[in-house]
């Protein structure tokens, strides 16, 4: 696939003043959006995540059991969108979720650094799907991208897209904190969308800089322009350091202001987090909740 012509066609200035103004507009909207209803909507867009070095089958199953029972324990609460785990725990998460309408998300493809052989990435992804993953989060090859090897990086994403198949939701992490420059964040977003990503995601949460409102605004702008060109809606996922209701609502408001209300569903908007679930429950219930 020819990626460079697409980049040239959708190249755009990412002026700091415009980004700052866009974030300021979203912050003003977020103040109005700090309501119980929006907190619930953010909760329903959560990829409830456990990616710790001490994870076990038992700890993953305990988290998944609580996710499956949450809507019954808290009146009016939606289910989270998914439970996100390492590939080796996909089966345990799926068994614990049972018949709940909650997806199992697996990180894969050499997460979090993406520094391994393509064959290994493809095998890991295939094994996660074989064990029951509904969705897969992978990381683009940041080194290839920063070296200007755009075709090689995007072709790898396309190979993993093909391996996943069209029935699997594929989220691609661009690791926006490592790219720094808005132009690079936009370029990476466009490349991975053209390569077949269903979602573009800010971060792994494993680097010093994770999600930022500025990166989110640039990424959502790229999604908007890609949709106008292709007619294909791609989702946005904020992850890494999103730990308060206020932060969740800010990312919700960025999506709302740039992409519109139709993007504010779990099919097109996600937040990857762990402690945020309890914080949202606490904000909705008006008292500290330590359910998860």
C-alpha atoms as a PDB file:
ATOM      1  CA  UNK A   1       0.000   0.000   0.000  1.00  0.00           C
ATOM      2  CA  UNK A   2       1.223   3.505  -0.811  1.00  0.00           C
ATOM      3  CA  UNK A   3       1.234   5.531   2.396  1.00  0.00           C
ATOM      4  CA  UNK A   4       3.282   8.569   1.435  1.00  0.00           C
ATOM      5  CA  UNK A   5       0.719   9.925  -1.026  1.00  0.00           C
ATOM      6  CA  UNK A   6      -1.953   9.750   1.688  1.00  0.00           C
ATOM      7  CA  UNK A   7       0.301  11.653   4.105  1.00  0.00           C
ATOM      8  CA  UNK A   8       0.921  14.345   1.500  1.00  0.00           C
ATOM      9  CA  UNK A   9      -2.796  14.713   0.825  1.00  0.00           C
ATOM     10  CA  UNK A  10      -3.706  15.060   4.526  1.00  0.00           C
ATOM     11  CA  UNK A  11      -0.649  17.025   5.660  1.00  0.00           C
ATOM     12  CA  UNK A  12      -1.697  19.980   7.805  1.00  0.00           C
ATOM     13  CA  UNK A  13      -0.120  22.566  10.053  1.00  0.00           C
ATOM     14  CA  UNK A  14      -0.314  21.799  13.762  1.00  0.00           C
ATOM     15  CA  UNK A  15       0.173  25.281  15.136  1.00  0.00           C
ATOM     16  CA  UNK A  16       0.650  25.474  18.904  1.00  0.00           C
ATOM     17  CA  UNK A  17      -1.760  28.397  19.107  1.00  0.00           C
ATOM     18  CA  UNK A  18      -4.524  26.376  17.436  1.00  0.00           C
ATOM     19  CA  UNK A  19      -3.859  23.362  19.665  1.00  0.00           C
ATOM     20  CA  UNK A  20      -3.896  25.560  22.762  1.00  0.00           C
ATOM     21  CA  UNK A  21      -7.157  27.168  21.717  1.00  0.00           C
ATOM     22  CA  UNK A  22      -8.718  23.774  21.017  1.00  0.00           C
ATOM     23  CA  UNK A  23      -7.697  22.410  24.408  1.00  0.00           C
ATOM     24  CA  UNK A  24      -8.984  25.558  26.126  1.00  0.00           C
ATOM     25  CA  UNK A  25     -12.339  25.137  24.392  1.00  0.00           C
ATOM     26  CA  UNK A  26     -12.501  21.505  25.502  1.00  0.00           C
ATOM     27  CA  UNK A  27     -11.613  22.453  29.087  1.00  0.00           C
ATOM     28  CA  UNK A  28     -14.483  24.938  29.178  1.00  0.00           C
ATOM     29  CA  UNK A  29     -16.825  22.264  27.835  1.00  0.00           C
ATOM     30  CA  UNK A  30     -15.483  19.783  30.392  1.00  0.00           C
ATOM     31  CA  UNK A  31     -16.541  22.037  33.270  1.00  0.00           C
ATOM     32  CA  UNK A  32     -20.133  21.763  32.047  1.00  0.00           C
ATOM     33  CA  UNK A  33     -19.730  18.040  31.451  1.00  0.00           C
ATOM     34  CA  UNK A  34     -18.810  17.173  35.037  1.00  0.00           C
ATOM     35  CA  UNK A  35     -22.137  15.497  35.724  1.00  0.00           C
ATOM     36  CA  UNK A  36     -23.166  12.065  36.960  1.00  0.00           C
ATOM     37  CA  UNK A  37     -24.521  11.205  33.508  1.00  0.00           C
ATOM     38  CA  UNK A  38     -21.204  11.954  31.782  1.00  0.00           C
ATOM     39  CA  UNK A  39     -19.300  10.071  34.497  1.00  0.00           C
ATOM     40  CA  UNK A  40     -21.499   7.047  33.746  1.00  0.00           C
ATOM     41  CA  UNK A  41     -20.855   7.376  30.041  1.00  0.00           C
ATOM     42  CA  UNK A  42     -17.112   7.513  30.677  1.00  0.00           C
ATOM     43  CA  UNK A  43     -17.416   4.423  32.875  1.00  0.00           C
ATOM     44  CA  UNK A  44     -19.161   2.577  30.041  1.00  0.00           C
ATOM     45  CA  UNK A  45     -16.231   3.440  27.751  1.00  0.00           C
ATOM     46  CA  UNK A  46     -13.579   2.027  30.111  1.00  0.00           C
ATOM     47  CA  UNK A  47     -11.091  -0.626  29.136  1.00  0.00           C
ATOM     48  CA  UNK A  48     -10.605  -1.754  32.744  1.00  0.00           C
ATOM     49  CA  UNK A  49      -6.914  -2.559  32.708  1.00  0.00           C
ATOM     50  CA  UNK A  50      -4.534  -4.728  34.685  1.00  0.00           C
ATOM     51  CA  UNK A  51      -1.050  -4.943  33.211  1.00  0.00           C
ATOM     52  CA  UNK A  52       1.102  -5.490  36.267  1.00  0.00           C
ATOM     53  CA  UNK A  53       4.190  -7.582  36.798  1.00  0.00           C
ATOM     54  CA  UNK A  54       2.441  -9.388  39.664  1.00  0.00           C
ATOM     55  CA  UNK A  55      -0.756 -10.288  37.779  1.00  0.00           C
ATOM     56  CA  UNK A  56      -1.940 -13.879  38.173  1.00  0.00           C
ATOM     57  CA  UNK A  57      -4.859 -15.919  36.890  1.00  0.00           C
ATOM     58  CA  UNK A  58      -6.493 -15.432  40.280  1.00  0.00           C
ATOM     59  CA  UNK A  59      -6.075 -11.651  40.371  1.00  0.00           C
ATOM     60  CA  UNK A  60      -7.307 -11.270  36.798  1.00  0.00           C
ATOM     61  CA  UNK A  61     -10.327 -13.471  37.493  1.00  0.00           C
ATOM     62  CA  UNK A  62     -11.159 -11.468  40.609  1.00  0.00           C
ATOM     63  CA  UNK A  63     -11.110  -8.221  38.612  1.00  0.00           C
ATOM     64  CA  UNK A  64     -13.205  -9.719  35.808  1.00  0.00           C
ATOM     65  CA  UNK A  65     -15.760 -11.120  38.289  1.00  0.00           C
ATOM     66  CA  UNK A  66     -16.172  -7.652  39.793  1.00  0.00           C
ATOM     67  CA  UNK A  67     -16.520  -6.087  36.351  1.00  0.00           C
ATOM     68  CA  UNK A  68     -19.261  -8.575  35.457  1.00  0.00           C
ATOM     69  CA  UNK A  69     -21.151  -7.905  38.702  1.00  0.00           C
ATOM     70  CA  UNK A  70     -20.721  -4.120  38.836  1.00  0.00           C
ATOM     71  CA  UNK A  71     -23.948  -3.093  37.099  1.00  0.00           C
ATOM     72  CA  UNK A  72     -25.917  -5.293  39.492  1.00  0.00           C
ATOM     73  CA  UNK A  73     -24.151  -3.810  42.522  1.00  0.00           C
ATOM     74  CA  UNK A  74     -24.564  -0.164  41.482  1.00  0.00           C
ATOM     75  CA  UNK A  75     -27.981   0.810  40.169  1.00  0.00           C
ATOM     76  CA  UNK A  76     -27.956   2.607  36.849  1.00  0.00           C
ATOM     77  CA  UNK A  77     -24.329   1.831  36.042  1.00  0.00           C
ATOM     78  CA  UNK A  78     -23.373   0.458  32.639  1.00  0.00           C
ATOM     79  CA  UNK A  79     -20.853  -2.328  32.211  1.00  0.00           C
ATOM     80  CA  UNK A  80     -17.302  -1.342  31.379  1.00  0.00           C
ATOM     81  CA  UNK A  81     -16.495  -1.800  27.692  1.00  0.00           C
ATOM     82  CA  UNK A  82     -13.757  -4.380  28.237  1.00  0.00           C
ATOM     83  CA  UNK A  83     -11.241  -5.897  30.605  1.00  0.00           C
ATOM     84  CA  UNK A  84      -7.696  -5.450  29.275  1.00  0.00           C
ATOM     85  CA  UNK A  85      -5.012  -7.997  30.195  1.00  0.00           C
ATOM     86  CA  UNK A  86      -1.781  -9.584  29.027  1.00  0.00           C
ATOM     87  CA  UNK A  87      -2.233 -12.389  26.446  1.00  0.00           C
ATOM     88  CA  UNK A  88      -1.529 -15.171  28.919  1.00  0.00           C
ATOM     89  CA  UNK A  89      -4.570 -14.097  30.989  1.00  0.00           C
ATOM     90  CA  UNK A  90      -7.120 -13.845  28.173  1.00  0.00           C
ATOM     91  CA  UNK A  91      -8.650 -17.245  28.930  1.00  0.00           C
ATOM     92  CA  UNK A  92      -8.914 -16.514  32.660  1.00  0.00           C
ATOM     93  CA  UNK A  93     -10.601 -13.162  32.022  1.00  0.00           C
ATOM     94  CA  UNK A  94     -13.065 -14.655  29.564  1.00  0.00           C
ATOM     95  CA  UNK A  95     -14.073 -17.459  31.901  1.00  0.00           C
ATOM     96  CA  UNK A  96     -14.627 -15.024  34.760  1.00  0.00           C
ATOM     97  CA  UNK A  97     -16.698 -12.634  32.641  1.00  0.00           C
ATOM     98  CA  UNK A  98     -19.018 -15.454  31.597  1.00  0.00           C
ATOM     99  CA  UNK A  99     -22.059 -14.153  29.734  1.00  0.00           C
ATOM    100  CA  UNK A 100     -21.465 -10.500  30.631  1.00  0.00           C
ATOM    101  CA  UNK A 101     -21.543  -8.106  27.686  1.00  0.00           C
ATOM    102  CA  UNK A 102     -17.938  -7.102  28.300  1.00  0.00           C
ATOM    103  CA  UNK A 103     -15.166  -7.667  25.775  1.00  0.00           C
ATOM    104  CA  UNK A 104     -11.785  -9.186  26.558  1.00  0.00           C
ATOM    105  CA  UNK A 105      -8.951  -6.970  25.328  1.00  0.00           C
ATOM    106  CA  UNK A 106      -5.445  -8.368  25.052  1.00  0.00           C
ATOM    107  CA  UNK A 107      -2.303  -6.352  24.576  1.00  0.00           C
ATOM    108  CA  UNK A 108      -0.094  -8.104  22.039  1.00  0.00           C
ATOM    109  CA  UNK A 109       2.584  -7.617  19.415  1.00  0.00           C
ATOM    110  CA  UNK A 110       5.499  -7.239  21.799  1.00  0.00           C
ATOM    111  CA  UNK A 111       3.725  -4.800  24.135  1.00  0.00           C
ATOM    112  CA  UNK A 112       4.847  -2.314  25.403  1.00  0.00           C
ATOM    113  CA  UNK A 113       7.976  -1.626  23.319  1.00  0.00           C
ATOM    114  CA  UNK A 114       7.071  -3.469  20.091  1.00  0.00           C
ATOM    115  CA  UNK A 115      10.729  -4.463  19.833  1.00  0.00           C
ATOM    116  CA  UNK A 116      10.613  -8.029  18.615  1.00  0.00           C
ATOM    117  CA  UNK A 117      10.292  -9.982  15.377  1.00  0.00           C
ATOM    118  CA  UNK A 118       7.164  -9.493  13.289  1.00  0.00           C
ATOM    119  CA  UNK A 119       6.674 -13.274  13.303  1.00  0.00           C
ATOM    120  CA  UNK A 120       6.634 -13.224  17.112  1.00  0.00           C
ATOM    121  CA  UNK A 121       4.145 -10.360  17.140  1.00  0.00           C
ATOM    122  CA  UNK A 122       1.851 -12.202  14.755  1.00  0.00           C
ATOM    123  CA  UNK A 123       2.053 -15.427  16.736  1.00  0.00           C
ATOM    124  CA  UNK A 124       1.333 -13.668  20.031  1.00  0.00           C
ATOM    125  CA  UNK A 125      -1.670 -11.915  18.495  1.00  0.00           C
ATOM    126  CA  UNK A 126      -2.952 -15.172  17.001  1.00  0.00           C
ATOM    127  CA  UNK A 127      -2.603 -17.002  20.327  1.00  0.00           C
ATOM    128  CA  UNK A 128      -4.488 -14.246  22.164  1.00  0.00           C
ATOM    129  CA  UNK A 129      -7.339 -14.524  19.670  1.00  0.00           C
ATOM    130  CA  UNK A 130      -7.331 -18.305  19.856  1.00  0.00           C
ATOM    131  CA  UNK A 131      -7.742 -18.045  23.620  1.00  0.00           C
ATOM    132  CA  UNK A 132     -10.756 -15.781  23.265  1.00  0.00           C
ATOM    133  CA  UNK A 133      -9.654 -12.149  22.925  1.00  0.00           C
ATOM    134  CA  UNK A 134     -12.242  -9.915  21.271  1.00  0.00           C
ATOM    135  CA  UNK A 135      -9.978  -6.904  20.920  1.00  0.00           C
ATOM    136  CA  UNK A 136      -6.223  -6.424  20.629  1.00  0.00           C
ATOM    137  CA  UNK A 137      -4.068  -3.427  21.552  1.00  0.00           C
ATOM    138  CA  UNK A 138      -0.708  -3.273  19.767  1.00  0.00           C
ATOM    139  CA  UNK A 139       2.070  -0.678  19.614  1.00  0.00           C
ATOM    140  CA  UNK A 140       3.416   0.775  16.405  1.00  0.00           C
ATOM    141  CA  UNK A 141       7.172   0.496  15.896  1.00  0.00           C
ATOM    142  CA  UNK A 142       8.173   3.903  17.256  1.00  0.00           C
ATOM    143  CA  UNK A 143      11.831   3.466  16.286  1.00  0.00           C
ATOM    144  CA  UNK A 144      10.951   2.782  12.662  1.00  0.00           C
ATOM    145  CA  UNK A 145       8.618   5.754  12.609  1.00  0.00           C
ATOM    146  CA  UNK A 146      11.090   8.216  14.129  1.00  0.00           C
ATOM    147  CA  UNK A 147      13.714   7.009  11.651  1.00  0.00           C
ATOM    148  CA  UNK A 148      11.387   7.954   8.811  1.00  0.00           C
ATOM    149  CA  UNK A 149      10.716   4.352   7.762  1.00  0.00           C
ATOM    150  CA  UNK A 150       7.000   5.029   7.378  1.00  0.00           C
ATOM    151  CA  UNK A 151       6.285   2.334   4.819  1.00  0.00           C
ATOM    152  CA  UNK A 152       7.969  -0.371   6.937  1.00  0.00           C
ATOM    153  CA  UNK A 153       6.159   0.691  10.098  1.00  0.00           C
ATOM    154  CA  UNK A 154       2.762   0.900   8.439  1.00  0.00           C
ATOM    155  CA  UNK A 155       3.248  -2.357   6.548  1.00  0.00           C
ATOM    156  CA  UNK A 156       3.854  -4.118   9.852  1.00  0.00           C
ATOM    157  CA  UNK A 157       0.580  -2.751  11.222  1.00  0.00           C
ATOM    158  CA  UNK A 158      -1.165  -3.923   8.072  1.00  0.00           C
ATOM    159  CA  UNK A 159       0.282  -7.424   8.513  1.00  0.00           C
ATOM    160  CA  UNK A 160      -1.026  -7.543  12.076  1.00  0.00           C
ATOM    161  CA  UNK A 161      -4.385  -6.215  10.875  1.00  0.00           C
ATOM    162  CA  UNK A 162      -4.557  -9.063   8.385  1.00  0.00           C
ATOM    163  CA  UNK A 163      -3.590 -11.576  11.076  1.00  0.00           C
ATOM    164  CA  UNK A 164      -6.289 -10.260  13.414  1.00  0.00           C
ATOM    165  CA  UNK A 165      -9.042 -10.457  10.805  1.00  0.00           C
ATOM    166  CA  UNK A 166     -11.904  -8.070  10.292  1.00  0.00           C
ATOM    167  CA  UNK A 167     -13.950  -9.360  13.257  1.00  0.00           C
ATOM    168  CA  UNK A 168     -11.315  -8.258  15.777  1.00  0.00           C
ATOM    169  CA  UNK A 169     -11.179  -4.686  17.054  1.00  0.00           C
ATOM    170  CA  UNK A 170      -7.579  -3.563  16.550  1.00  0.00           C
ATOM    171  CA  UNK A 171      -6.331  -0.621  18.610  1.00  0.00           C
ATOM    172  CA  UNK A 172      -2.923   0.782  17.685  1.00  0.00           C
ATOM    173  CA  UNK A 173      -0.877   2.717  20.226  1.00  0.00           C
ATOM    174  CA  UNK A 174       1.240   5.508  18.736  1.00  0.00           C
ATOM    175  CA  UNK A 175       3.013   6.300  22.055  1.00  0.00           C
ATOM    176  CA  UNK A 176       2.341  10.005  21.617  1.00  0.00           C
ATOM    177  CA  UNK A 177       4.590  11.025  24.520  1.00  0.00           C
ATOM    178  CA  UNK A 178       7.615   9.638  22.676  1.00  0.00           C
ATOM    179  CA  UNK A 179       6.756  11.534  19.478  1.00  0.00           C
ATOM    180  CA  UNK A 180       6.529  14.941  21.201  1.00  0.00           C
ATOM    181  CA  UNK A 181       5.949  17.072  18.089  1.00  0.00           C
ATOM    182  CA  UNK A 182       2.309  17.570  17.052  1.00  0.00           C
ATOM    183  CA  UNK A 183       3.188  17.024  13.385  1.00  0.00           C
ATOM    184  CA  UNK A 184       4.631  13.610  14.216  1.00  0.00           C
ATOM    185  CA  UNK A 185       1.607  12.683  16.334  1.00  0.00           C
ATOM    186  CA  UNK A 186      -0.688  13.554  13.426  1.00  0.00           C
ATOM    187  CA  UNK A 187       1.498  11.704  10.914  1.00  0.00           C
ATOM    188  CA  UNK A 188       1.613   8.555  13.035  1.00  0.00           C
ATOM    189  CA  UNK A 189      -2.157   8.690  13.541  1.00  0.00           C
ATOM    190  CA  UNK A 190      -2.796   8.923   9.807  1.00  0.00           C
ATOM    191  CA  UNK A 191      -0.383   6.102   8.996  1.00  0.00           C
ATOM    192  CA  UNK A 192      -1.848   3.581  11.418  1.00  0.00           C
ATOM    193  CA  UNK A 193      -5.399   4.449  10.389  1.00  0.00           C
ATOM    194  CA  UNK A 194      -4.517   3.908   6.743  1.00  0.00           C
ATOM    195  CA  UNK A 195      -2.886   0.601   7.763  1.00  0.00           C
ATOM    196  CA  UNK A 196      -6.182  -0.632   9.212  1.00  0.00           C
ATOM    197  CA  UNK A 197      -6.459   0.459  12.862  1.00  0.00           C
ATOM    198  CA  UNK A 198      -9.994   0.506  14.290  1.00  0.00           C
ATOM    199  CA  UNK A 199      -8.800   2.769  17.120  1.00  0.00           C
ATOM    200  CA  UNK A 200      -5.770   4.965  17.623  1.00  0.00           C
ATOM    201  CA  UNK A 201      -4.557   5.060  21.203  1.00  0.00           C
ATOM    202  CA  UNK A 202      -2.300   7.562  22.930  1.00  0.00           C
ATOM    203  CA  UNK A 203      -0.025   5.509  25.124  1.00  0.00           C
ATOM    204  CA  UNK A 204       1.002   2.261  26.750  1.00  0.00           C
ATOM    205  CA  UNK A 205       1.184   3.880  30.165  1.00  0.00           C
ATOM    206  CA  UNK A 206       4.697   2.491  30.452  1.00  0.00           C
ATOM    207  CA  UNK A 207       6.633   5.633  29.448  1.00  0.00           C
ATOM    208  CA  UNK A 208       7.404   8.854  31.296  1.00  0.00           C
ATOM    209  CA  UNK A 209       4.904  10.871  29.226  1.00  0.00           C
ATOM    210  CA  UNK A 210       1.527   9.263  28.578  1.00  0.00           C
ATOM    211  CA  UNK A 211      -1.751  10.783  27.420  1.00  0.00           C
ATOM    212  CA  UNK A 212      -1.956  14.573  27.163  1.00  0.00           C
ATOM    213  CA  UNK A 213      -4.884  16.753  26.090  1.00  0.00           C
ATOM    214  CA  UNK A 214      -2.743  18.314  23.367  1.00  0.00           C
ATOM    215  CA  UNK A 215      -1.906  14.933  21.817  1.00  0.00           C
ATOM    216  CA  UNK A 216      -5.556  13.882  22.079  1.00  0.00           C
ATOM    217  CA  UNK A 217      -6.677  17.012  20.233  1.00  0.00           C
ATOM    218  CA  UNK A 218      -4.195  16.380  17.401  1.00  0.00           C
ATOM    219  CA  UNK A 219      -5.181  12.711  17.158  1.00  0.00           C
ATOM    220  CA  UNK A 220      -8.888  13.509  17.070  1.00  0.00           C
ATOM    221  CA  UNK A 221      -8.241  16.087  14.359  1.00  0.00           C
ATOM    222  CA  UNK A 222      -6.483  13.405  12.323  1.00  0.00           C
ATOM    223  CA  UNK A 223      -9.441  11.040  12.852  1.00  0.00           C
ATOM    224  CA  UNK A 224     -11.847  13.749  11.664  1.00  0.00           C
ATOM    225  CA  UNK A 225      -9.826  14.472   8.510  1.00  0.00           C
ATOM    226  CA  UNK A 226      -9.324  10.768   7.773  1.00  0.00           C
ATOM    227  CA  UNK A 227     -13.079  10.213   8.062  1.00  0.00           C
ATOM    228  CA  UNK A 228     -13.799  13.096   5.700  1.00  0.00           C
ATOM    229  CA  UNK A 229     -11.407  11.589   3.160  1.00  0.00           C
ATOM    230  CA  UNK A 230     -12.332   7.906   3.454  1.00  0.00           C
ATOM    231  CA  UNK A 231     -15.757   7.712   5.084  1.00  0.00           C
ATOM    232  CA  UNK A 232     -14.333   5.286   7.677  1.00  0.00           C
ATOM    233  CA  UNK A 233     -14.860   6.084  11.352  1.00  0.00           C
ATOM    234  CA  UNK A 234     -11.860   5.289  13.548  1.00  0.00           C
ATOM    235  CA  UNK A 235     -12.098   5.353  17.338  1.00  0.00           C
ATOM    236  CA  UNK A 236      -9.951   7.217  19.861  1.00  0.00           C
ATOM    237  CA  UNK A 237      -8.568   5.752  23.092  1.00  0.00           C
ATOM    238  CA  UNK A 238      -6.887   7.778  25.830  1.00  0.00           C
ATOM    239  CA  UNK A 239      -4.636   5.753  28.126  1.00  0.00           C
ATOM    240  CA  UNK A 240      -1.828   6.355  30.555  1.00  0.00           C
ATOM    241  CA  UNK A 241      -2.317   8.577  33.579  1.00  0.00           C
ATOM    242  CA  UNK A 242      -6.081   9.034  33.165  1.00  0.00           C
ATOM    243  CA  UNK A 243      -6.889   8.516  36.827  1.00  0.00           C
ATOM    244  CA  UNK A 244      -9.462  11.143  37.849  1.00  0.00           C
ATOM    245  CA  UNK A 245     -13.047  11.853  36.772  1.00  0.00           C
ATOM    246  CA  UNK A 246     -11.954  15.336  35.724  1.00  0.00           C
ATOM    247  CA  UNK A 247      -9.293  13.909  33.379  1.00  0.00           C
ATOM    248  CA  UNK A 248     -11.754  11.396  31.916  1.00  0.00           C
ATOM    249  CA  UNK A 249     -14.306  14.119  31.256  1.00  0.00           C
ATOM    250  CA  UNK A 250     -11.654  16.300  29.602  1.00  0.00           C
ATOM    251  CA  UNK A 251     -10.856  13.554  27.063  1.00  0.00           C
ATOM    252  CA  UNK A 252     -14.589  12.957  26.601  1.00  0.00           C
ATOM    253  CA  UNK A 253     -14.982  16.677  25.916  1.00  0.00           C
ATOM    254  CA  UNK A 254     -12.096  16.737  23.416  1.00  0.00           C
ATOM    255  CA  UNK A 255     -13.764  13.948  21.455  1.00  0.00           C
ATOM    256  CA  UNK A 256     -17.097  15.743  21.694  1.00  0.00           C
ATOM    257  CA  UNK A 257     -15.720  19.080  20.484  1.00  0.00           C
ATOM    258  CA  UNK A 258     -13.611  17.700  17.612  1.00  0.00           C
ATOM    259  CA  UNK A 259     -15.543  14.634  16.448  1.00  0.00           C
ATOM    260  CA  UNK A 260     -19.074  15.129  17.728  1.00  0.00           C
ATOM    261  CA  UNK A 261     -21.635  13.220  19.745  1.00  0.00           C
ATOM    262  CA  UNK A 262     -21.626  10.183  17.435  1.00  0.00           C
ATOM    263  CA  UNK A 263     -18.103   9.334  18.619  1.00  0.00           C
ATOM    264  CA  UNK A 264     -19.108   9.236  22.293  1.00  0.00           C
ATOM    265  CA  UNK A 265     -19.956   5.539  22.422  1.00  0.00           C
ATOM    266  CA  UNK A 266     -17.829   2.517  23.382  1.00  0.00           C
ATOM    267  CA  UNK A 267     -17.565   1.610  19.708  1.00  0.00           C
ATOM    268  CA  UNK A 268     -15.554   4.790  19.019  1.00  0.00           C
ATOM    269  CA  UNK A 269     -14.293   6.116  22.370  1.00  0.00           C
ATOM    270  CA  UNK A 270     -12.369   4.319  25.070  1.00  0.00           C
ATOM    271  CA  UNK A 271     -10.375   5.169  28.167  1.00  0.00           C
ATOM    272  CA  UNK A 272      -7.734   2.721  29.328  1.00  0.00           C
ATOM    273  CA  UNK A 273      -7.410   2.860  33.094  1.00  0.00           C
ATOM    274  CA  UNK A 274      -7.376   0.959  36.370  1.00  0.00           C
ATOM    275  CA  UNK A 275      -7.878   3.271  39.366  1.00  0.00           C
ATOM    276  CA  UNK A 276     -10.257   5.502  37.382  1.00  0.00           C
ATOM    277  CA  UNK A 277     -13.109   3.003  37.777  1.00  0.00           C
ATOM    278  CA  UNK A 278     -13.297   3.508  41.538  1.00  0.00           C
ATOM    279  CA  UNK A 279     -12.891   7.267  41.144  1.00  0.00           C
ATOM    280  CA  UNK A 280     -15.841   7.456  38.760  1.00  0.00           C
ATOM    281  CA  UNK A 281     -17.970   5.296  41.061  1.00  0.00           C
ATOM    282  CA  UNK A 282     -17.047   7.588  43.960  1.00  0.00           C
ATOM    283  CA  UNK A 283     -17.957  10.736  42.014  1.00  0.00           C
ATOM    284  CA  UNK A 284     -21.316   9.273  40.960  1.00  0.00           C
ATOM    285  CA  UNK A 285     -22.193   8.032  44.452  1.00  0.00           C
ATOM    286  CA  UNK A 286     -20.932  11.096  46.294  1.00  0.00           C
ATOM    287  CA  UNK A 287     -18.759   9.079  48.664  1.00  0.00           C
ATOM    288  CA  UNK A 288     -15.559   7.031  48.473  1.00  0.00           C
ATOM    289  CA  UNK A 289     -16.050   3.689  46.703  1.00  0.00           C
ATOM    290  CA  UNK A 290     -13.360   1.000  46.645  1.00  0.00           C
ATOM    291  CA  UNK A 291     -15.186  -1.672  44.662  1.00  0.00           C
ATOM    292  CA  UNK A 292     -12.375  -2.686  42.313  1.00  0.00           C
END
